[in-house]
Structure formats: C-alpha cells, structure tokens
N, C-alpha and C. Protein backbone atom coordinates (compact mmCIF):
# COMPACT_ATOMS: atom_id res chain seq x y z
N MET A 1 -5.75 -3.94 12.98
CA MET A 1 -6.81 -2.96 13.06
C MET A 1 -7.19 -2.51 11.65
N ILE A 2 -8.44 -2.51 11.37
CA ILE A 2 -8.95 -2.05 10.07
C ILE A 2 -9.15 -0.54 10.13
N VAL A 3 -8.69 0.15 9.10
CA VAL A 3 -8.90 1.60 9.02
C VAL A 3 -10.41 1.82 8.87
N ASN A 4 -11.01 2.57 9.79
CA ASN A 4 -12.46 2.73 9.73
C ASN A 4 -12.92 4.17 9.96
N ASN A 5 -12.02 5.13 9.79
CA ASN A 5 -12.40 6.51 10.04
C ASN A 5 -12.36 7.37 8.78
N LEU A 6 -12.53 6.76 7.63
CA LEU A 6 -12.42 7.47 6.36
C LEU A 6 -13.79 7.99 5.92
N LYS A 7 -13.76 9.11 5.23
CA LYS A 7 -14.99 9.71 4.72
C LYS A 7 -14.90 9.79 3.20
N PRO A 8 -15.72 9.00 2.48
CA PRO A 8 -15.71 9.06 1.02
C PRO A 8 -16.10 10.46 0.53
N PRO A 9 -15.64 10.81 -0.67
CA PRO A 9 -14.83 9.98 -1.57
C PRO A 9 -13.34 10.09 -1.22
N TYR A 10 -12.63 9.01 -1.51
CA TYR A 10 -11.18 8.94 -1.38
C TYR A 10 -10.71 7.84 -2.32
N TYR A 11 -9.41 7.63 -2.39
CA TYR A 11 -8.87 6.62 -3.29
C TYR A 11 -8.22 5.50 -2.52
N ALA A 12 -8.33 4.30 -3.07
CA ALA A 12 -7.67 3.11 -2.51
C ALA A 12 -6.69 2.57 -3.55
N VAL A 13 -5.47 2.33 -3.11
CA VAL A 13 -4.46 1.68 -3.94
C VAL A 13 -4.32 0.26 -3.43
N ILE A 14 -4.68 -0.70 -4.26
CA ILE A 14 -4.66 -2.12 -3.87
C ILE A 14 -3.44 -2.76 -4.52
N PHE A 15 -2.54 -3.24 -3.68
CA PHE A 15 -1.28 -3.84 -4.12
C PHE A 15 -1.30 -5.31 -3.74
N THR A 16 -1.42 -6.18 -4.73
CA THR A 16 -1.51 -7.63 -4.52
C THR A 16 -0.22 -8.27 -5.03
N THR A 17 0.38 -9.16 -4.21
CA THR A 17 1.67 -9.75 -4.56
C THR A 17 1.69 -11.25 -4.33
N VAL A 18 2.57 -11.90 -5.07
CA VAL A 18 3.00 -13.27 -4.78
C VAL A 18 4.50 -13.17 -4.58
N VAL A 19 4.96 -13.57 -3.41
CA VAL A 19 6.37 -13.39 -3.08
C VAL A 19 7.24 -14.51 -3.64
N SER A 20 8.52 -14.21 -3.78
CA SER A 20 9.50 -15.19 -4.22
C SER A 20 10.08 -15.88 -3.00
N GLU A 21 11.09 -16.68 -3.20
CA GLU A 21 11.76 -17.39 -2.11
C GLU A 21 12.70 -16.48 -1.32
N ASN A 22 13.24 -15.45 -1.96
CA ASN A 22 14.23 -14.57 -1.35
C ASN A 22 13.53 -13.38 -0.69
N LEU A 23 13.31 -13.47 0.62
CA LEU A 23 12.61 -12.40 1.33
C LEU A 23 13.52 -11.65 2.31
N GLU A 24 14.81 -11.70 2.05
CA GLU A 24 15.76 -10.99 2.90
C GLU A 24 15.42 -9.50 2.94
N ASP A 25 15.24 -8.97 4.13
CA ASP A 25 14.92 -7.57 4.39
C ASP A 25 13.52 -7.15 3.92
N TYR A 26 12.71 -8.08 3.48
CA TYR A 26 11.39 -7.74 2.96
C TYR A 26 10.50 -7.11 4.04
N GLU A 27 10.35 -7.79 5.17
CA GLU A 27 9.45 -7.29 6.22
C GLU A 27 9.93 -5.95 6.76
N LYS A 28 11.22 -5.81 6.95
CA LYS A 28 11.79 -4.55 7.43
C LYS A 28 11.49 -3.41 6.46
N THR A 29 11.64 -3.67 5.18
CA THR A 29 11.37 -2.65 4.16
C THR A 29 9.88 -2.35 4.09
N ALA A 30 9.04 -3.37 4.18
CA ALA A 30 7.59 -3.16 4.14
C ALA A 30 7.15 -2.26 5.30
N GLN A 31 7.67 -2.51 6.49
CA GLN A 31 7.33 -1.67 7.64
C GLN A 31 7.83 -0.25 7.45
N LYS A 32 9.03 -0.10 6.90
CA LYS A 32 9.58 1.23 6.64
C LYS A 32 8.72 1.99 5.64
N MET A 33 8.23 1.30 4.60
CA MET A 33 7.39 1.95 3.60
C MET A 33 6.06 2.38 4.20
N GLU A 34 5.51 1.59 5.12
CA GLU A 34 4.26 1.99 5.78
C GLU A 34 4.46 3.26 6.58
N VAL A 35 5.56 3.35 7.31
CA VAL A 35 5.86 4.56 8.09
C VAL A 35 6.06 5.74 7.16
N LEU A 36 6.84 5.55 6.10
CA LEU A 36 7.12 6.62 5.16
C LEU A 36 5.83 7.09 4.46
N ALA A 37 5.00 6.15 4.05
CA ALA A 37 3.73 6.51 3.40
C ALA A 37 2.86 7.34 4.34
N SER A 38 2.85 6.97 5.61
CA SER A 38 2.00 7.69 6.57
C SER A 38 2.43 9.14 6.75
N GLN A 39 3.63 9.48 6.33
CA GLN A 39 4.14 10.84 6.44
C GLN A 39 3.88 11.67 5.17
N GLN A 40 3.32 11.04 4.15
CA GLN A 40 3.09 11.71 2.87
C GLN A 40 1.79 12.49 2.89
N LYS A 41 1.76 13.61 2.18
CA LYS A 41 0.54 14.40 2.02
C LYS A 41 -0.56 13.54 1.43
N GLY A 42 -1.74 13.64 2.00
CA GLY A 42 -2.90 12.95 1.47
C GLY A 42 -3.08 11.52 1.94
N PHE A 43 -2.13 10.98 2.70
CA PHE A 43 -2.24 9.61 3.20
C PHE A 43 -3.34 9.54 4.25
N LEU A 44 -4.21 8.53 4.14
CA LEU A 44 -5.33 8.38 5.07
C LEU A 44 -5.23 7.14 5.94
N GLY A 45 -4.53 6.09 5.49
CA GLY A 45 -4.42 4.86 6.28
C GLY A 45 -3.98 3.70 5.41
N ILE A 46 -3.82 2.54 6.07
CA ILE A 46 -3.37 1.33 5.36
C ILE A 46 -3.91 0.09 6.05
N ASP A 47 -4.30 -0.89 5.26
CA ASP A 47 -4.67 -2.23 5.73
C ASP A 47 -3.78 -3.21 4.97
N SER A 48 -3.28 -4.25 5.66
CA SER A 48 -2.35 -5.16 5.00
C SER A 48 -2.47 -6.56 5.57
N ALA A 49 -2.34 -7.55 4.68
CA ALA A 49 -2.25 -8.96 5.07
C ALA A 49 -1.20 -9.59 4.17
N ARG A 50 -0.19 -10.20 4.80
CA ARG A 50 0.90 -10.79 4.00
C ARG A 50 1.05 -12.26 4.35
N ASN A 51 0.77 -13.10 3.37
CA ASN A 51 0.97 -14.54 3.46
C ASN A 51 1.50 -15.00 2.11
N ASP A 52 1.02 -16.14 1.60
CA ASP A 52 1.42 -16.59 0.27
C ASP A 52 1.04 -15.54 -0.78
N ILE A 53 -0.14 -14.96 -0.61
CA ILE A 53 -0.55 -13.83 -1.42
C ILE A 53 -0.67 -12.65 -0.47
N GLY A 54 0.02 -11.57 -0.79
CA GLY A 54 -0.03 -10.39 0.05
C GLY A 54 -0.97 -9.37 -0.55
N ILE A 55 -1.75 -8.72 0.32
CA ILE A 55 -2.63 -7.65 -0.12
C ILE A 55 -2.44 -6.47 0.81
N THR A 56 -2.07 -5.35 0.25
CA THR A 56 -1.94 -4.11 1.00
C THR A 56 -2.81 -3.07 0.32
N VAL A 57 -3.66 -2.42 1.10
CA VAL A 57 -4.52 -1.37 0.58
C VAL A 57 -4.16 -0.08 1.31
N SER A 58 -3.73 0.92 0.56
CA SER A 58 -3.46 2.23 1.16
C SER A 58 -4.53 3.19 0.67
N TYR A 59 -4.84 4.18 1.49
CA TYR A 59 -5.93 5.10 1.22
C TYR A 59 -5.39 6.52 1.12
N TRP A 60 -5.88 7.25 0.09
CA TRP A 60 -5.34 8.56 -0.24
C TRP A 60 -6.45 9.54 -0.58
N ARG A 61 -6.18 10.82 -0.35
CA ARG A 61 -7.16 11.87 -0.65
C ARG A 61 -7.34 12.08 -2.15
N THR A 62 -6.23 12.15 -2.91
CA THR A 62 -6.32 12.50 -4.33
C THR A 62 -5.41 11.61 -5.18
N LEU A 63 -5.66 11.61 -6.47
CA LEU A 63 -4.78 10.91 -7.41
C LEU A 63 -3.39 11.55 -7.43
N GLU A 64 -3.33 12.86 -7.26
CA GLU A 64 -2.04 13.54 -7.22
C GLU A 64 -1.21 13.08 -6.03
N ASP A 65 -1.86 12.85 -4.88
CA ASP A 65 -1.15 12.34 -3.70
C ASP A 65 -0.59 10.95 -3.97
N ILE A 66 -1.33 10.13 -4.69
CA ILE A 66 -0.87 8.78 -5.05
C ILE A 66 0.36 8.88 -5.96
N THR A 67 0.31 9.76 -6.94
CA THR A 67 1.43 9.95 -7.85
C THR A 67 2.67 10.44 -7.09
N ALA A 68 2.48 11.35 -6.15
CA ALA A 68 3.62 11.84 -5.36
C ALA A 68 4.24 10.70 -4.56
N TRP A 69 3.42 9.81 -4.00
CA TRP A 69 3.94 8.65 -3.27
C TRP A 69 4.69 7.72 -4.22
N LYS A 70 4.12 7.49 -5.39
CA LYS A 70 4.79 6.63 -6.38
C LYS A 70 6.17 7.18 -6.72
N ASN A 71 6.31 8.50 -6.79
CA ASN A 71 7.56 9.12 -7.19
C ASN A 71 8.51 9.39 -6.02
N ASN A 72 8.12 9.06 -4.80
CA ASN A 72 9.00 9.21 -3.65
C ASN A 72 10.26 8.37 -3.86
N THR A 73 11.43 8.95 -3.62
CA THR A 73 12.70 8.29 -3.91
C THR A 73 12.87 6.98 -3.16
N GLU A 74 12.61 6.97 -1.86
CA GLU A 74 12.77 5.73 -1.08
C GLU A 74 11.76 4.67 -1.52
N HIS A 75 10.55 5.10 -1.84
CA HIS A 75 9.53 4.16 -2.32
C HIS A 75 9.96 3.55 -3.66
N THR A 76 10.54 4.37 -4.53
CA THR A 76 11.03 3.87 -5.82
C THR A 76 12.12 2.82 -5.62
N LEU A 77 13.05 3.07 -4.70
CA LEU A 77 14.10 2.08 -4.41
C LEU A 77 13.50 0.78 -3.90
N ALA A 78 12.54 0.87 -2.99
CA ALA A 78 11.89 -0.34 -2.45
C ALA A 78 11.11 -1.07 -3.55
N ARG A 79 10.43 -0.32 -4.41
CA ARG A 79 9.69 -0.93 -5.51
C ARG A 79 10.63 -1.68 -6.44
N ASN A 80 11.79 -1.11 -6.72
CA ASN A 80 12.77 -1.78 -7.58
C ASN A 80 13.29 -3.06 -6.92
N LEU A 81 13.54 -3.02 -5.62
CA LEU A 81 13.95 -4.24 -4.89
C LEU A 81 12.86 -5.31 -4.98
N GLY A 82 11.61 -4.88 -4.87
CA GLY A 82 10.50 -5.83 -4.99
C GLY A 82 10.51 -6.54 -6.33
N ARG A 83 10.71 -5.79 -7.38
CA ARG A 83 10.76 -6.39 -8.72
C ARG A 83 11.95 -7.32 -8.88
N GLU A 84 13.10 -6.92 -8.32
CA GLU A 84 14.33 -7.70 -8.49
C GLU A 84 14.39 -8.92 -7.57
N LYS A 85 13.89 -8.80 -6.33
CA LYS A 85 14.13 -9.83 -5.32
C LYS A 85 12.88 -10.49 -4.74
N TRP A 86 11.89 -9.72 -4.35
CA TRP A 86 10.85 -10.24 -3.46
C TRP A 86 9.61 -10.77 -4.13
N TYR A 87 9.24 -10.24 -5.28
CA TYR A 87 7.96 -10.60 -5.88
C TYR A 87 8.12 -11.46 -7.12
N ARG A 88 7.34 -12.54 -7.16
CA ARG A 88 7.23 -13.31 -8.40
C ARG A 88 6.30 -12.58 -9.34
N THR A 89 5.28 -11.96 -8.77
CA THR A 89 4.33 -11.16 -9.55
C THR A 89 3.65 -10.17 -8.63
N TYR A 90 3.17 -9.08 -9.20
CA TYR A 90 2.33 -8.17 -8.43
C TYR A 90 1.36 -7.46 -9.36
N GLN A 91 0.30 -6.95 -8.78
CA GLN A 91 -0.70 -6.18 -9.51
C GLN A 91 -1.07 -4.99 -8.65
N LEU A 92 -1.19 -3.83 -9.26
CA LEU A 92 -1.58 -2.62 -8.56
C LEU A 92 -2.87 -2.10 -9.18
N ARG A 93 -3.82 -1.77 -8.32
CA ARG A 93 -5.10 -1.23 -8.78
C ARG A 93 -5.40 0.05 -8.00
N ILE A 94 -5.92 1.06 -8.69
CA ILE A 94 -6.29 2.31 -8.04
C ILE A 94 -7.79 2.49 -8.25
N CYS A 95 -8.50 2.67 -7.14
CA CYS A 95 -9.95 2.75 -7.18
C CYS A 95 -10.44 3.98 -6.44
N LYS A 96 -11.51 4.56 -6.91
CA LYS A 96 -12.16 5.65 -6.19
C LYS A 96 -13.26 5.04 -5.31
N VAL A 97 -13.18 5.30 -4.03
CA VAL A 97 -14.18 4.80 -3.09
C VAL A 97 -15.24 5.89 -2.93
N GLU A 98 -16.44 5.55 -3.31
CA GLU A 98 -17.54 6.52 -3.23
C GLU A 98 -18.48 6.22 -2.08
N ARG A 99 -18.44 4.98 -1.59
CA ARG A 99 -19.32 4.60 -0.50
C ARG A 99 -18.64 3.50 0.29
N GLU A 100 -18.89 3.45 1.59
CA GLU A 100 -18.37 2.39 2.43
C GLU A 100 -19.32 2.16 3.59
N TYR A 101 -19.26 0.98 4.16
CA TYR A 101 -20.02 0.71 5.37
C TYR A 101 -19.37 -0.46 6.08
N GLY A 102 -19.69 -0.64 7.33
CA GLY A 102 -19.14 -1.72 8.14
C GLY A 102 -19.71 -1.63 9.54
N PHE A 103 -19.16 -2.42 10.44
CA PHE A 103 -19.56 -2.33 11.83
C PHE A 103 -18.39 -2.63 12.72
N LEU A 104 -18.49 -2.21 13.95
CA LEU A 104 -17.43 -2.38 14.94
C LEU A 104 -18.08 -2.81 16.24
N LYS A 105 -17.66 -3.94 16.78
CA LYS A 105 -18.21 -4.41 18.07
C LYS A 105 -17.41 -3.86 19.21
C-alpha cells in the first residue's frame, strides 16, 4: 500500500541500499524498525521495496523529528548492524515535499 494521505509540506527520508550476502536477521530487524519508527513523534508513513536494490521512504513532519529518529537507541543499533553486516553500500537523502499528486482506482 502506498502512503497517500499526506498533506504537504512534509519531509521524506529516502534510504537506498545494496545488500550484502549476509542477511541474517535483516528482514526481522527491518520490520521492527518500521514499527518503532511508526511510534515516533512526527512519523507520517513509510513506503518500501526491497530487492537487489532496496528503497525505503519514510515521511516526517519536521527535520527535528527526523533527527530524533536518527538518534533513537534501537535505530542506532540497527543502523550499526547494517553497516557491519547487511549493506554493501547505502545512501540517505532528506527532501522537503512541497507538492504531491497521484490517483487511486
């Protein structure tokens, strides 16, 4: 399901990854992080696709909310595991969404 109930302006954090061969506990941790993020102040939603290249976009009210999520202890532990075990490379981008449109059948 695509998140489609957002009202600009808001922020999008785009997390793009290339995974390594060692994915032990990766999916379990990714699901846990989605649940944990959804409990954070300012969280608006998440869209994710994980294959050879993974793309996860989370949506937030403010830059301060994004920083608080970055500094969350469990998220920091998961991020460190990603660097050590799961990702060959990753890129994080933070964007301000000022306009959006789409359709739903």
